[in-house]
Amino acid sequence: MVLGVVIPNQHHRSLIGHGGQPLTELEKKTGAEVQFPGSRSYHQVATPSNLEELGGVEEKDIVKVAGSKSVCDMAVAELLVCF
């Protein structure tokens, strides 16, 4: 499963963190794969299943979260708390 979460582009750098360490920790903690727009792997991850629910948001503001439903939900919640 792939979910999209709307996080304005200006917050991406702080969520990824220095050297990507906070992002790596989030992925280890939740078990989800998190891809930010602009990463080399972003377009290799499927289109989010909830894209229609995001309502015409620009791609640069959509972070993709991949994994089982439970790990995706956990990672989305963590991302939204952090920003």
N, C-alpha and C. Protein backbone atom coordinates (compact mmCIF):
# COMPACT_ATOMS: atom_id res chain seq x y z
N MET A 1 0.84 -1.18 0.00
CA MET A 1 0.00 0.00 0.00
C MET A 1 0.88 1.24 0.00
N VAL A 2 0.42 2.26 -0.69
CA VAL A 2 1.12 3.55 -0.70
C VAL A 2 0.10 4.63 -0.35
N LEU A 3 0.41 5.42 0.66
CA LEU A 3 -0.43 6.55 1.04
C LEU A 3 0.34 7.84 0.77
N GLY A 4 -0.40 8.86 0.39
CA GLY A 4 0.19 10.18 0.26
C GLY A 4 -0.19 11.01 1.46
N VAL A 5 0.72 11.82 1.93
CA VAL A 5 0.45 12.73 3.03
C VAL A 5 0.91 14.12 2.59
N VAL A 6 0.06 15.10 2.80
CA VAL A 6 0.37 16.47 2.39
C VAL A 6 1.21 17.14 3.47
N ILE A 7 2.43 17.45 3.08
CA ILE A 7 3.34 18.19 3.94
C ILE A 7 3.97 19.26 3.05
N PRO A 8 3.72 20.54 3.34
CA PRO A 8 4.28 21.59 2.50
C PRO A 8 5.79 21.43 2.31
N ASN A 9 6.20 21.67 1.08
CA ASN A 9 7.59 21.49 0.67
C ASN A 9 8.59 22.15 1.61
N GLN A 10 8.26 23.31 2.15
CA GLN A 10 9.22 24.03 3.00
C GLN A 10 9.54 23.27 4.30
N HIS A 11 8.74 22.26 4.66
CA HIS A 11 8.99 21.48 5.88
C HIS A 11 9.77 20.19 5.62
N HIS A 12 9.97 19.84 4.38
CA HIS A 12 10.62 18.58 4.06
C HIS A 12 12.03 18.49 4.62
N ARG A 13 12.80 19.53 4.45
CA ARG A 13 14.20 19.50 4.90
C ARG A 13 14.30 19.19 6.39
N SER A 14 13.45 19.81 7.20
CA SER A 14 13.53 19.57 8.64
C SER A 14 13.08 18.15 9.00
N LEU A 15 12.14 17.58 8.24
CA LEU A 15 11.71 16.21 8.52
C LEU A 15 12.75 15.18 8.08
N ILE A 16 13.44 15.47 6.99
CA ILE A 16 14.49 14.56 6.52
C ILE A 16 15.68 14.64 7.48
N GLY A 17 16.01 15.84 7.89
CA GLY A 17 17.06 16.05 8.87
C GLY A 17 18.47 15.96 8.31
N HIS A 18 19.40 16.30 9.15
CA HIS A 18 20.82 16.31 8.78
C HIS A 18 21.28 14.89 8.43
N GLY A 19 21.73 14.72 7.22
CA GLY A 19 22.21 13.41 6.79
C GLY A 19 21.12 12.36 6.66
N GLY A 20 19.87 12.78 6.77
CA GLY A 20 18.76 11.85 6.65
C GLY A 20 18.52 10.99 7.88
N GLN A 21 19.22 11.30 8.98
CA GLN A 21 19.11 10.47 10.18
C GLN A 21 17.69 10.44 10.75
N PRO A 22 17.00 11.57 10.92
CA PRO A 22 15.63 11.50 11.44
C PRO A 22 14.70 10.68 10.54
N LEU A 23 14.87 10.79 9.23
CA LEU A 23 14.05 10.02 8.30
C LEU A 23 14.35 8.53 8.45
N THR A 24 15.60 8.17 8.55
CA THR A 24 15.99 6.78 8.74
C THR A 24 15.41 6.23 10.05
N GLU A 25 15.46 7.03 11.10
CA GLU A 25 14.91 6.60 12.39
C GLU A 25 13.40 6.40 12.30
N LEU A 26 12.71 7.28 11.58
CA LEU A 26 11.27 7.15 11.40
C LEU A 26 10.95 5.85 10.66
N GLU A 27 11.71 5.56 9.62
CA GLU A 27 11.48 4.35 8.84
C GLU A 27 11.74 3.10 9.69
N LYS A 28 12.79 3.12 10.49
CA LYS A 28 13.07 1.97 11.37
C LYS A 28 11.99 1.80 12.43
N LYS A 29 11.55 2.90 13.00
CA LYS A 29 10.54 2.87 14.07
C LYS A 29 9.20 2.34 13.56
N THR A 30 8.81 2.76 12.35
CA THR A 30 7.48 2.41 11.85
C THR A 30 7.48 1.21 10.91
N GLY A 31 8.60 0.95 10.25
CA GLY A 31 8.66 -0.12 9.27
C GLY A 31 8.18 0.31 7.89
N ALA A 32 7.83 1.57 7.73
CA ALA A 32 7.36 2.09 6.44
C ALA A 32 8.52 2.68 5.65
N GLU A 33 8.35 2.74 4.34
CA GLU A 33 9.29 3.44 3.47
C GLU A 33 8.69 4.81 3.21
N VAL A 34 9.48 5.86 3.43
CA VAL A 34 9.00 7.23 3.25
C VAL A 34 9.82 7.88 2.14
N GLN A 35 9.13 8.41 1.15
CA GLN A 35 9.79 9.06 0.01
C GLN A 35 9.31 10.49 -0.13
N PHE A 36 10.26 11.41 -0.14
CA PHE A 36 9.95 12.83 -0.33
C PHE A 36 10.15 13.19 -1.79
N PRO A 37 9.32 14.13 -2.31
CA PRO A 37 9.51 14.58 -3.69
C PRO A 37 10.94 15.08 -3.88
N GLY A 38 11.50 14.80 -5.02
CA GLY A 38 12.87 15.20 -5.30
C GLY A 38 13.88 14.10 -5.04
N SER A 39 13.49 13.08 -4.29
CA SER A 39 14.42 11.97 -4.08
C SER A 39 14.48 11.12 -5.35
N ARG A 40 15.58 10.45 -5.54
CA ARG A 40 15.75 9.61 -6.73
C ARG A 40 14.71 8.50 -6.81
N SER A 41 14.25 8.03 -5.68
CA SER A 41 13.32 6.89 -5.64
C SER A 41 11.85 7.29 -5.64
N TYR A 42 11.56 8.57 -5.57
CA TYR A 42 10.16 9.03 -5.42
C TYR A 42 9.26 8.47 -6.52
N HIS A 43 9.69 8.53 -7.76
CA HIS A 43 8.85 8.09 -8.87
C HIS A 43 8.86 6.58 -9.05
N GLN A 44 9.71 5.88 -8.32
CA GLN A 44 9.72 4.42 -8.37
C GLN A 44 8.66 3.83 -7.44
N VAL A 45 8.16 4.64 -6.53
CA VAL A 45 7.11 4.22 -5.62
C VAL A 45 5.77 4.49 -6.31
N ALA A 46 4.83 3.58 -6.16
CA ALA A 46 3.53 3.68 -6.83
C ALA A 46 2.79 4.97 -6.45
N THR A 47 1.80 5.28 -7.24
CA THR A 47 0.92 6.41 -6.96
C THR A 47 0.14 6.13 -5.68
N PRO A 48 0.01 7.10 -4.79
CA PRO A 48 -0.73 6.88 -3.55
C PRO A 48 -2.18 6.47 -3.81
N SER A 49 -2.66 5.51 -3.04
CA SER A 49 -4.03 5.03 -3.20
C SER A 49 -5.05 6.08 -2.78
N ASN A 50 -4.64 7.04 -1.98
CA ASN A 50 -5.55 8.09 -1.50
C ASN A 50 -5.36 9.41 -2.24
N LEU A 51 -4.79 9.38 -3.43
CA LEU A 51 -4.47 10.59 -4.18
C LEU A 51 -5.70 11.47 -4.39
N GLU A 52 -6.83 10.87 -4.71
CA GLU A 52 -8.05 11.65 -4.95
C GLU A 52 -8.49 12.39 -3.68
N GLU A 53 -8.25 11.81 -2.54
CA GLU A 53 -8.62 12.44 -1.27
C GLU A 53 -7.76 13.66 -0.96
N LEU A 54 -6.59 13.75 -1.59
CA LEU A 54 -5.67 14.86 -1.31
C LEU A 54 -6.08 16.13 -2.03
N GLY A 55 -6.99 16.03 -2.97
CA GLY A 55 -7.61 17.19 -3.58
C GLY A 55 -6.74 18.15 -4.36
N GLY A 56 -6.10 17.67 -5.39
CA GLY A 56 -5.38 18.56 -6.30
C GLY A 56 -4.16 19.25 -5.72
N VAL A 57 -3.57 18.69 -4.71
CA VAL A 57 -2.35 19.24 -4.10
C VAL A 57 -1.19 19.03 -5.08
N GLU A 58 -0.29 19.98 -5.14
CA GLU A 58 0.87 19.85 -6.01
C GLU A 58 1.75 18.68 -5.56
N GLU A 59 2.34 17.99 -6.54
CA GLU A 59 3.18 16.82 -6.25
C GLU A 59 4.32 17.17 -5.29
N LYS A 60 4.84 18.37 -5.37
CA LYS A 60 5.97 18.77 -4.51
C LYS A 60 5.61 18.77 -3.02
N ASP A 61 4.31 18.73 -2.72
CA ASP A 61 3.86 18.72 -1.33
C ASP A 61 3.33 17.36 -0.87
N ILE A 62 3.48 16.33 -1.71
CA ILE A 62 2.98 15.00 -1.36
C ILE A 62 4.14 14.06 -1.03
N VAL A 63 4.19 13.62 0.21
CA VAL A 63 5.17 12.64 0.66
C VAL A 63 4.51 11.28 0.53
N LYS A 64 5.23 10.30 -0.05
CA LYS A 64 4.69 8.95 -0.21
C LYS A 64 5.18 8.06 0.93
N VAL A 65 4.23 7.30 1.48
CA VAL A 65 4.54 6.37 2.56
C VAL A 65 4.09 4.98 2.10
N ALA A 66 5.02 4.02 2.08
CA ALA A 66 4.72 2.68 1.56
C ALA A 66 4.93 1.62 2.62
N GLY A 67 4.07 0.60 2.57
CA GLY A 67 4.15 -0.53 3.49
C GLY A 67 2.75 -1.07 3.73
N SER A 68 2.60 -1.85 4.78
CA SER A 68 1.27 -2.36 5.12
C SER A 68 0.43 -1.19 5.65
N LYS A 69 -0.87 -1.37 5.71
CA LYS A 69 -1.75 -0.30 6.17
C LYS A 69 -1.36 0.18 7.55
N SER A 70 -1.07 -0.74 8.45
CA SER A 70 -0.76 -0.34 9.83
C SER A 70 0.54 0.47 9.92
N VAL A 71 1.57 0.07 9.19
CA VAL A 71 2.83 0.83 9.25
C VAL A 71 2.69 2.16 8.54
N CYS A 72 1.91 2.20 7.45
CA CYS A 72 1.68 3.47 6.76
C CYS A 72 0.94 4.45 7.68
N ASP A 73 -0.09 3.97 8.33
CA ASP A 73 -0.85 4.82 9.24
C ASP A 73 0.04 5.36 10.37
N MET A 74 0.91 4.51 10.90
CA MET A 74 1.81 4.93 11.97
C MET A 74 2.79 5.98 11.47
N ALA A 75 3.37 5.77 10.28
CA ALA A 75 4.33 6.73 9.74
C ALA A 75 3.67 8.06 9.40
N VAL A 76 2.47 8.02 8.83
CA VAL A 76 1.73 9.25 8.52
C VAL A 76 1.49 10.03 9.81
N ALA A 77 1.04 9.35 10.84
CA ALA A 77 0.79 10.03 12.12
C ALA A 77 2.06 10.68 12.67
N GLU A 78 3.17 9.97 12.58
CA GLU A 78 4.46 10.51 13.05
C GLU A 78 4.86 11.74 12.24
N LEU A 79 4.71 11.68 10.93
CA LEU A 79 5.06 12.81 10.08
C LEU A 79 4.22 14.03 10.41
N LEU A 80 2.93 13.82 10.60
CA LEU A 80 2.04 14.96 10.87
C LEU A 80 2.33 15.58 12.23
N VAL A 81 2.73 14.80 13.20
CA VAL A 81 3.08 15.33 14.53
C VAL A 81 4.36 16.15 14.44
N CYS A 82 5.29 15.70 13.61
CA CYS A 82 6.60 16.36 13.53
C CYS A 82 6.56 17.71 12.81
N PHE A 83 5.59 17.89 11.94
CA PHE A 83 5.58 19.16 11.20
C PHE A 83 4.44 19.98 11.71
